[in-house]
Amino acid sequence: MLGYRAVAPLPAQLLFACPPLAETTWALLRNAIQEINSHNASGLSFEELYRNAYHMVVYKFGDRLYQGLVQVEREHLSGVAGRIESVGSETFLRTLKSEWEAHVKSVAMIRDILMYLDRIYVRQQGLTPVHSLGLRLWRAVVVGAPPIRERLVSLFLSEVARERRGERGDRSLLRATSQMLEDLGRDEYEAVLEEPYIAATREFYAAEGAAREQADDVPSYLKHVEARLSEEADRVHALLASFSEAKVAGALEAELVA
């Protein structure tokens, strides 16, 4: 819940009669949204901000409010993407996680301010609700940025490869990364992470299977396959969505058993 500093509402009659005053109200709301995105929300008044947004919707400025929100969020997320791109590989996934968590929190607060916009204007116009809009814009502007998308996949798969070689990584960080993609939509998760994961799984175990078949007798090889199946099942359960488990198991079996 937002607290403290009040933003004085404009008289509804003036809003209705004078579009420039609607722009003044939007400027107040835009500033509040920017403060929320900057983690400076403690001095904002939820009640007054809600009232300002309510007046804009009631007096037919819902489109200005909605389109203004889209613009402000795109600008903010462009800055977020730049910060994420600028960090080194050792902190990239952790920075991505931190920025994502901050964004989710901010979007929830913005949704509270714009609840009436969601309930009336967004529903009437068949638009994307404010919370879903925040996720969609993150998907487009942040995860959709090629440098971020490519590094996300590369670093995730590198950590998995390290695990397969017997090293221990940060599973909670990897799971947070895959959960973020799930939250952005199953299609996004599958395209960005699941498909490359399965391809990397096939490549790794095709090479390992060929080498072990040459070096091991049949009982030893089968014992190795059983151990790998168990390890990979545990790994997928810890790192990926539940619906990925059967797909990864099938890829693994195709390379080691078939």
Protein backbone atom coordinates (compact mmCIF):
# COMPACT_ATOMS: atom_id res chain seq x y z
CA MET A 1 0.00 0.00 0.00
CA LEU A 2 1.34 3.45 -0.86
CA GLY A 3 1.49 6.09 1.86
CA TYR A 4 2.34 9.68 2.83
CA ARG A 5 2.78 12.41 0.19
CA ALA A 6 -0.49 13.58 -1.34
CA VAL A 7 -0.89 14.59 -4.97
CA ALA A 8 -3.68 17.15 -5.13
CA PRO A 9 -6.53 16.04 -7.41
CA LEU A 10 -7.94 18.37 -10.00
CA PRO A 11 -11.66 19.21 -9.92
CA ALA A 12 -13.47 16.71 -12.12
CA GLN A 13 -15.46 19.44 -13.88
CA LEU A 14 -12.25 21.17 -14.97
CA LEU A 15 -10.84 17.93 -16.25
CA PHE A 16 -13.90 17.38 -18.36
CA ALA A 17 -13.95 20.91 -19.73
CA CYS A 18 -10.26 21.48 -20.32
CA PRO A 19 -8.03 18.78 -21.87
CA PRO A 20 -4.81 20.66 -20.91
CA LEU A 21 -5.76 20.11 -17.28
CA ALA A 22 -6.11 16.41 -18.04
CA GLU A 23 -2.50 16.58 -19.23
CA THR A 24 -1.58 18.13 -15.90
CA THR A 25 -3.23 15.23 -14.10
CA TRP A 26 -1.45 12.76 -16.36
CA ALA A 27 1.85 14.49 -15.56
CA LEU A 28 1.19 13.90 -11.84
CA LEU A 29 0.44 10.24 -12.48
CA ARG A 30 3.44 9.85 -14.78
CA ASN A 31 5.69 11.25 -12.08
CA ALA A 32 4.20 8.82 -9.55
CA ILE A 33 4.77 5.85 -11.88
CA GLN A 34 8.36 6.94 -12.41
CA GLU A 35 8.84 7.23 -8.65
CA ILE A 36 7.47 3.73 -8.18
CA ASN A 37 9.80 2.38 -10.85
CA SER A 38 12.69 4.15 -9.10
CA HIS A 39 11.73 2.53 -5.75
CA ASN A 40 10.75 5.89 -4.25
CA ALA A 41 7.11 5.12 -3.55
CA SER A 42 7.10 5.74 0.20
CA GLY A 43 6.05 9.36 -0.18
CA LEU A 44 3.15 8.74 -2.57
CA SER A 45 -0.52 8.72 -1.64
CA PHE A 46 -2.44 5.76 -3.04
CA GLU A 47 -5.80 7.44 -2.42
CA GLU A 48 -4.99 10.65 -4.28
CA LEU A 49 -3.31 8.87 -7.18
CA TYR A 50 -6.25 6.51 -7.53
CA ARG A 51 -8.62 9.48 -7.54
CA ASN A 52 -6.64 11.24 -10.27
CA ALA A 53 -6.68 8.11 -12.44
CA TYR A 54 -10.39 7.66 -11.73
CA HIS A 55 -11.15 11.19 -12.94
CA MET A 56 -9.20 10.64 -16.16
CA VAL A 57 -11.20 7.51 -16.94
CA VAL A 58 -14.60 8.93 -15.98
CA TYR A 59 -14.07 12.05 -18.08
CA LYS A 60 -12.94 10.17 -21.18
CA PHE A 61 -9.19 10.43 -20.94
CA GLY A 62 -8.65 6.68 -20.46
CA ASP A 63 -6.75 6.39 -23.73
CA ARG A 64 -4.33 9.13 -22.71
CA LEU A 65 -3.74 7.37 -19.43
CA TYR A 66 -3.27 3.91 -20.94
CA GLN A 67 -1.03 5.00 -23.81
CA GLY A 68 0.95 7.20 -21.45
CA LEU A 69 1.52 4.20 -19.20
CA VAL A 70 2.79 2.14 -22.13
CA GLN A 71 5.24 4.89 -23.08
CA VAL A 72 6.54 5.40 -19.54
CA GLU A 73 7.02 1.68 -18.98
CA ARG A 74 8.81 1.21 -22.30
CA GLU A 75 11.19 4.04 -21.47
CA HIS A 76 11.82 2.65 -18.00
CA LEU A 77 12.43 -0.89 -19.25
CA SER A 78 14.81 0.34 -21.92
CA GLY A 79 16.92 1.69 -19.07
CA VAL A 80 16.60 -1.60 -17.19
CA ALA A 81 17.73 -3.52 -20.27
CA GLY A 82 20.74 -1.25 -20.58
CA ARG A 83 21.75 -1.89 -16.97
CA ILE A 84 21.42 -5.64 -17.40
CA GLU A 85 23.42 -5.63 -20.62
CA SER A 86 26.23 -3.67 -18.96
CA VAL A 87 27.07 -6.19 -16.22
CA GLY A 88 29.62 -8.98 -16.49
CA SER A 89 28.82 -12.64 -16.94
CA GLU A 90 29.46 -13.46 -13.30
CA THR A 91 26.59 -11.22 -12.14
CA PHE A 92 24.33 -11.25 -15.20
CA LEU A 93 21.72 -13.79 -14.07
CA ARG A 94 21.61 -12.37 -10.56
CA THR A 95 21.13 -8.84 -11.92
CA LEU A 96 18.39 -10.08 -14.24
CA LYS A 97 16.66 -11.74 -11.28
CA SER A 98 16.92 -8.62 -9.12
CA GLU A 99 15.58 -6.33 -11.85
CA TRP A 100 12.73 -8.74 -12.60
CA GLU A 101 11.65 -8.93 -8.97
CA ALA A 102 11.72 -5.13 -8.70
CA HIS A 103 9.64 -4.83 -11.87
CA VAL A 104 7.01 -7.28 -10.66
CA LYS A 105 6.69 -5.36 -7.41
CA SER A 106 6.41 -2.02 -9.23
CA VAL A 107 3.80 -3.33 -11.67
CA ALA A 108 1.65 -4.52 -8.77
CA MET A 109 1.74 -1.04 -7.23
CA ILE A 110 0.96 0.65 -10.54
CA ARG A 111 -1.95 -1.73 -11.05
CA ASP A 112 -3.36 -0.68 -7.69
CA ILE A 113 -3.28 2.99 -8.70
CA LEU A 114 -4.88 2.24 -12.05
CA MET A 115 -7.46 -0.25 -10.79
CA TYR A 116 -10.36 1.79 -12.15
CA LEU A 117 -8.68 2.07 -15.55
CA ASP A 118 -8.41 -1.73 -15.59
CA ARG A 119 -11.96 -2.29 -14.47
CA ILE A 120 -13.66 0.13 -16.87
CA TYR A 121 -11.60 1.41 -19.79
CA VAL A 122 -9.35 -1.60 -20.36
CA ARG A 123 -12.28 -4.01 -20.20
CA GLN A 124 -14.46 -1.90 -22.50
CA GLN A 125 -11.70 -1.52 -25.07
CA GLY A 126 -10.49 -5.12 -24.92
CA LEU A 127 -6.97 -4.04 -23.97
CA THR A 128 -4.29 -5.89 -22.03
CA PRO A 129 -4.78 -5.38 -18.26
CA VAL A 130 -2.15 -3.31 -16.49
CA HIS A 131 -0.41 -6.21 -14.74
CA SER A 132 -0.28 -8.34 -17.89
CA LEU A 133 0.88 -5.29 -19.82
CA GLY A 134 3.83 -4.94 -17.46
CA LEU A 135 4.84 -8.55 -18.08
CA ARG A 136 4.34 -8.23 -21.83
CA LEU A 137 6.54 -5.16 -21.99
CA TRP A 138 9.27 -6.87 -19.94
CA ARG A 139 9.11 -9.76 -22.38
CA ALA A 140 9.40 -7.44 -25.40
CA VAL A 141 11.88 -4.85 -24.15
CA VAL A 142 14.11 -6.81 -21.75
CA VAL A 143 14.04 -10.52 -22.58
CA GLY A 144 13.37 -9.63 -26.21
CA ALA A 145 16.63 -7.70 -26.47
CA PRO A 146 19.01 -10.02 -28.39
CA PRO A 147 22.07 -9.40 -26.16
CA ILE A 148 20.04 -10.26 -23.05
CA ARG A 149 18.25 -13.23 -24.59
CA GLU A 150 21.48 -14.74 -25.92
CA ARG A 151 23.43 -14.29 -22.70
CA LEU A 152 20.56 -15.64 -20.61
CA VAL A 153 20.49 -18.89 -22.60
CA SER A 154 24.26 -19.19 -22.87
CA LEU A 155 24.91 -18.67 -19.15
CA PHE A 156 22.04 -20.93 -18.10
CA LEU A 157 23.27 -23.77 -20.31
CA SER A 158 26.88 -23.22 -19.20
CA GLU A 159 25.82 -23.70 -15.59
CA VAL A 160 23.94 -26.87 -16.51
CA ALA A 161 27.00 -28.18 -18.39
CA ARG A 162 29.11 -27.55 -15.30
CA GLU A 163 26.67 -29.60 -13.25
CA ARG A 164 26.83 -32.44 -15.76
CA ARG A 165 30.61 -32.45 -15.35
CA GLY A 166 30.20 -32.84 -11.61
CA GLU A 167 30.49 -29.22 -10.46
CA ARG A 168 27.89 -27.59 -8.24
CA GLY A 169 26.10 -24.41 -9.28
CA ASP A 170 23.43 -22.10 -7.93
CA ARG A 171 20.24 -24.01 -8.65
CA SER A 172 17.99 -21.45 -6.98
CA LEU A 173 19.25 -18.75 -9.35
CA LEU A 174 18.72 -20.95 -12.39
CA ARG A 175 15.22 -21.87 -11.24
CA ALA A 176 14.39 -18.20 -10.70
CA THR A 177 15.48 -17.55 -14.28
CA SER A 178 13.32 -20.31 -15.73
CA GLN A 179 10.38 -19.27 -13.52
CA MET A 180 10.62 -15.73 -14.87
CA LEU A 181 10.27 -17.10 -18.40
CA GLU A 182 7.33 -19.28 -17.33
CA ASP A 183 5.64 -16.20 -15.89
CA LEU A 184 6.04 -14.50 -19.27
CA GLY A 185 4.12 -17.30 -20.98
CA ARG A 186 4.64 -20.93 -21.84
CA ASP A 187 5.47 -20.08 -25.44
CA GLU A 188 8.21 -17.70 -24.29
CA TYR A 189 9.63 -20.26 -21.86
CA GLU A 190 9.68 -22.99 -24.50
CA ALA A 191 11.25 -20.83 -27.21
CA VAL A 192 13.85 -19.09 -25.07
CA LEU A 193 14.91 -21.88 -22.71
CA GLU A 194 13.30 -25.29 -23.15
CA GLU A 195 14.20 -25.80 -26.80
CA PRO A 196 17.88 -24.79 -26.37
CA TYR A 197 18.06 -26.91 -23.21
CA ILE A 198 16.83 -29.98 -25.05
CA ALA A 199 19.20 -29.34 -27.96
CA ALA A 200 22.15 -28.98 -25.55
CA THR A 201 21.05 -32.15 -23.75
CA ARG A 202 21.07 -34.11 -27.01
CA GLU A 203 24.48 -32.77 -27.96
CA PHE A 204 26.05 -33.48 -24.58
CA TYR A 205 24.75 -37.00 -24.20
CA ALA A 206 25.34 -37.95 -27.84
CA ALA A 207 29.03 -37.19 -27.34
CA GLU A 208 29.17 -38.85 -23.93
CA GLY A 209 27.25 -41.91 -25.11
CA ALA A 210 29.56 -42.45 -28.07
CA ALA A 211 32.63 -42.20 -25.85
CA ARG A 212 31.27 -44.51 -23.15
CA GLU A 213 30.10 -47.14 -25.62
CA GLN A 214 33.66 -47.44 -26.87
CA ALA A 215 35.21 -47.61 -23.40
CA ASP A 216 32.67 -49.58 -21.29
CA ASP A 217 31.38 -53.11 -21.34
CA VAL A 218 27.60 -53.49 -21.57
CA PRO A 219 26.86 -53.82 -17.81
CA SER A 220 29.01 -50.79 -17.00
CA TYR A 221 27.42 -48.73 -19.75
CA LEU A 222 23.89 -49.58 -18.63
CA LYS A 223 24.79 -48.68 -15.06
CA HIS A 224 26.10 -45.33 -16.28
CA VAL A 225 22.92 -44.72 -18.29
CA GLU A 226 20.77 -45.44 -15.24
CA ALA A 227 22.78 -42.99 -13.14
CA ARG A 228 22.56 -40.30 -15.81
CA LEU A 229 18.81 -40.72 -16.19
CA SER A 230 18.38 -40.28 -12.45
CA GLU A 231 20.70 -37.25 -12.33
CA GLU A 232 18.98 -35.54 -15.22
CA ALA A 233 15.51 -36.16 -13.81
CA ASP A 234 16.59 -34.52 -10.56
CA ARG A 235 18.16 -31.62 -12.44
CA VAL A 236 15.14 -30.95 -14.61
CA HIS A 237 12.82 -31.17 -11.61
CA ALA A 238 14.96 -28.56 -9.83
CA LEU A 239 15.55 -26.17 -12.72
CA LEU A 240 12.73 -26.36 -15.25
CA ALA A 241 8.95 -26.40 -15.51
CA SER A 242 7.24 -29.69 -14.71
CA PHE A 243 5.97 -30.03 -18.28
CA SER A 244 9.59 -30.09 -19.51
CA GLU A 245 10.49 -33.28 -17.64
CA ALA A 246 9.11 -35.78 -20.15
CA LYS A 247 10.61 -33.93 -23.11
CA VAL A 248 14.10 -33.81 -21.62
CA ALA A 249 13.88 -37.48 -20.55
CA GLY A 250 12.90 -38.45 -24.08
CA ALA A 251 15.86 -36.57 -25.55
CA LEU A 252 18.24 -38.16 -23.06
CA GLU A 253 16.96 -41.67 -23.70
CA ALA A 254 17.20 -41.15 -27.45
CA GLU A 255 20.92 -40.44 -27.14
CA LEU A 256 21.93 -42.96 -24.46
CA VAL A 257 19.50 -45.84 -24.87
CA ALA A 258 18.26 -45.95 -28.47
